[in-house]
C-alpha atoms as a PDB file:
ATOM      1  CA  MET A   1     219.900 155.894 191.915  1.00  0.00           C
ATOM      2  CA  GLN A   2     220.365 158.508 194.467  1.00  0.00           C
ATOM      3  CA  ASN A   3     217.951 160.810 196.011  1.00  0.00           C
ATOM      4  CA  LEU A   4     218.308 164.366 196.895  1.00  0.00           C
ATOM      5  CA  LYS A   5     218.241 163.633 200.866  1.00  0.00           C
ATOM      6  CA  ASN A   6     220.705 160.833 200.767  1.00  0.00           C
ATOM      7  CA  TRP A   7     223.154 163.074 198.543  1.00  0.00           C
ATOM      8  CA  ARG A   8     222.840 165.913 201.060  1.00  0.00           C
ATOM      9  CA  ILE A   9     223.151 163.435 204.063  1.00  0.00           C
ATOM     10  CA  GLU A  10     226.535 162.083 202.422  1.00  0.00           C
ATOM     11  CA  LYS A  11     227.903 165.424 202.195  1.00  0.00           C
ATOM     12  CA  GLY A  12     227.392 165.754 205.399  1.00  0.00           C
ATOM     13  CA  LEU A  13     224.945 168.750 205.677  1.00  0.00           C
ATOM     14  CA  THR A  14     221.658 169.397 207.564  1.00  0.00           C
ATOM     15  CA  GLN A  15     218.782 170.879 205.520  1.00  0.00           C
ATOM     16  CA  THR A  16     219.191 174.291 206.966  1.00  0.00           C
ATOM     17  CA  GLU A  17     223.105 174.296 205.799  1.00  0.00           C
ATOM     18  CA  MET A  18     222.319 173.046 202.428  1.00  0.00           C
ATOM     19  CA  ALA A  19     219.400 175.764 202.140  1.00  0.00           C
ATOM     20  CA  GLN A  20     222.078 178.205 202.987  1.00  0.00           C
ATOM     21  CA  LYS A  21     224.369 176.982 200.290  1.00  0.00           C
ATOM     22  CA  LEU A  22     221.677 177.426 198.117  1.00  0.00           C
ATOM     23  CA  GLY A  23     220.430 180.783 198.990  1.00  0.00           C
ATOM     24  CA  SER A  24     217.309 179.347 200.308  1.00  0.00           C
ATOM     25  CA  ASN A  25     215.855 178.355 203.604  1.00  0.00           C
ATOM     26  CA  GLN A  26     215.144 175.178 205.447  1.00  0.00           C
ATOM     27  CA  LYS A  27     211.418 175.249 204.794  1.00  0.00           C
ATOM     28  CA  SER A  28     211.541 175.405 200.992  1.00  0.00           C
ATOM     29  CA  TYR A  29     214.660 172.921 200.965  1.00  0.00           C
ATOM     30  CA  SER A  30     212.554 170.334 202.615  1.00  0.00           C
ATOM     31  CA  ALA A  31     209.974 170.744 200.173  1.00  0.00           C
ATOM     32  CA  TYR A  32     212.310 170.608 197.146  1.00  0.00           C
ATOM     33  CA  GLU A  33     213.810 167.198 199.001  1.00  0.00           C
ATOM     34  CA  THR A  34     210.565 165.431 199.665  1.00  0.00           C
ATOM     35  CA  GLY A  35     209.286 166.375 196.285  1.00  0.00           C
ATOM     36  CA  ARG A  36     206.359 168.355 197.961  1.00  0.00           C
ATOM     37  CA  VAL A  37     207.550 171.245 195.360  1.00  0.00           C
ATOM     38  CA  SER A  38     209.469 171.324 192.207  1.00  0.00           C
ATOM     39  CA  VAL A  39     213.035 172.453 192.383  1.00  0.00           C
ATOM     40  CA  PRO A  40     213.196 175.947 190.493  1.00  0.00           C
ATOM     41  CA  GLY A  41     215.590 175.904 187.735  1.00  0.00           C
ATOM     42  CA  LYS A  42     218.227 178.359 189.576  1.00  0.00           C
ATOM     43  CA  ILE A  43     218.504 175.892 192.519  1.00  0.00           C
ATOM     44  CA  GLN A  44     218.755 172.976 190.120  1.00  0.00           C
ATOM     45  CA  GLY A  45     221.624 174.636 188.498  1.00  0.00           C
ATOM     46  CA  LYS A  46     223.234 175.413 191.818  1.00  0.00           C
ATOM     47  CA  LEU A  47     222.676 171.687 193.108  1.00  0.00           C
ATOM     48  CA  ARG A  48     224.344 170.304 189.503  1.00  0.00           C
ATOM     49  CA  ARG A  49     227.558 172.595 189.968  1.00  0.00           C
ATOM     50  CA  MET A  50     227.738 171.100 193.467  1.00  0.00           C
ATOM     51  CA  GLY A  51     228.045 167.806 192.076  1.00  0.00           C
ATOM     52  CA  TYR A  52     224.234 166.506 192.171  1.00  0.00           C
ATOM     53  CA  ALA A  53     223.843 164.434 189.264  1.00  0.00           C
ATOM     54  CA  ASP A  54     220.445 162.253 189.487  1.00  0.00           C
ATOM     55  CA  SER A  55     216.965 163.496 188.712  1.00  0.00           C
ATOM     56  CA  PHE A  56     214.960 165.915 190.826  1.00  0.00           C
ATOM     57  CA  PRO A  57     211.391 164.964 192.067  1.00  0.00           C
ATOM     58  CA  HIS A  58     208.878 166.381 189.666  1.00  0.00           C
ATOM     59  CA  GLU A  59     211.797 167.690 187.543  1.00  0.00           C
ATOM     60  CA  THR A  60     210.911 168.812 183.892  1.00  0.00           C
ATOM     61  CA  ARG A  61     214.301 168.723 181.905  1.00  0.00           C
ATOM     62  CA  SER A  62     214.908 172.218 180.415  1.00  0.00           C
ATOM     63  CA  GLU A  63     217.804 173.525 179.092  1.00  0.00           C
ATOM     64  CA  ASN A  64     216.640 177.169 180.269  1.00  0.00           C
ATOM     65  CA  VAL A  65     218.403 176.894 183.706  1.00  0.00           C
ATOM     66  CA  TRP A  66     219.110 180.261 184.986  1.00  0.00           C
ATOM     67  CA  VAL A  67     222.303 181.412 186.391  1.00  0.00           C
ATOM     68  CA  THR A  68     223.037 184.679 187.954  1.00  0.00           C
ATOM     69  CA  ARG A  69     225.853 187.071 187.202  1.00  0.00           C
ATOM     70  CA  GLU A  70     227.214 186.563 190.798  1.00  0.00           C
ATOM     71  CA  GLU A  71     227.256 182.749 190.162  1.00  0.00           C
ATOM     72  CA  ILE A  72     228.973 183.219 187.224  1.00  0.00           C
ATOM     73  CA  ALA A  73     231.632 185.711 188.367  1.00  0.00           C
ATOM     74  CA  GLY A  74     232.164 183.199 191.392  1.00  0.00           C
ATOM     75  CA  ASP A  75     232.757 180.403 189.114  1.00  0.00           C
ATOM     76  CA  LEU A  76     234.902 182.550 186.793  1.00  0.00           C
ATOM     77  CA  GLY A  77     237.018 183.646 189.888  1.00  0.00           C
ATOM     78  CA  SER A  78     237.354 180.035 190.864  1.00  0.00           C
ATOM     79  CA  LEU A  79     238.441 178.911 187.451  1.00  0.00           C
ATOM     80  CA  LYS A  80     241.063 181.645 187.273  1.00  0.00           C
ATOM     81  CA  ALA A  81     242.685 180.856 190.480  1.00  0.00           C
ATOM     82  CA  ASP A  82     242.527 177.375 189.247  1.00  0.00           C
ATOM     83  CA  ILE A  83     244.353 178.030 186.011  1.00  0.00           C
ATOM     84  CA  SER A  84     246.775 180.208 187.639  1.00  0.00           C
ATOM     85  CA  MET A  85     248.002 177.599 189.911  1.00  0.00           C
ATOM     86  CA  LEU A  86     248.068 174.774 187.134  1.00  0.00           C
ATOM     87  CA  LYS A  87     250.163 177.494 184.923  1.00  0.00           C
ATOM     88  CA  ASP A  88     252.555 177.535 188.149  1.00  0.00           C
ATOM     89  CA  LYS A  89     252.999 173.852 188.633  1.00  0.00           C
ATOM     90  CA  LEU A  90     253.613 173.710 184.476  1.00  0.00           C
ATOM     91  CA  GLU A  91     256.541 175.984 184.571  1.00  0.00           C
ATOM     92  CA  LYS A  92     257.792 174.019 187.846  1.00  0.00           C
ATOM     93  CA  VAL A  93     257.579 170.564 185.766  1.00  0.00           C
ATOM     94  CA  LEU A  94     259.039 172.446 182.711  1.00  0.00           C
ATOM     95  CA  ASP A  95     262.179 174.194 184.758  1.00  0.00           C
ATOM     96  CA  ILE A  96     262.776 170.333 185.787  1.00  0.00           C
ATOM     97  CA  LEU A  97     262.439 169.014 182.357  1.00  0.00           C
ATOM     98  CA  ARG A  98     264.802 171.680 181.156  1.00  0.00           C
ATOM     99  CA  LYS A  99     267.743 170.582 183.581  1.00  0.00           C
END
């Protein structure tokens, strides 16, 4: 089982850098990491999308994790780019197989 601090360190990030990625500040992030404050659902969602898979200090499991429109748009843009790249690669493979 890995805690939030160890996970952040493995990613090579400082608390300030992680807070910036989450749209938070270092003081708030430190409180999340130490368990002094519950990690808000919006921040939990961002951490999950970054690959954090363990439980959070004081976590209450809820299916209502809020995601902003901007986050969805960013994820959608990234997904479209990935699909486009895969489509190009598939076309190249099909061209090779047709020869």
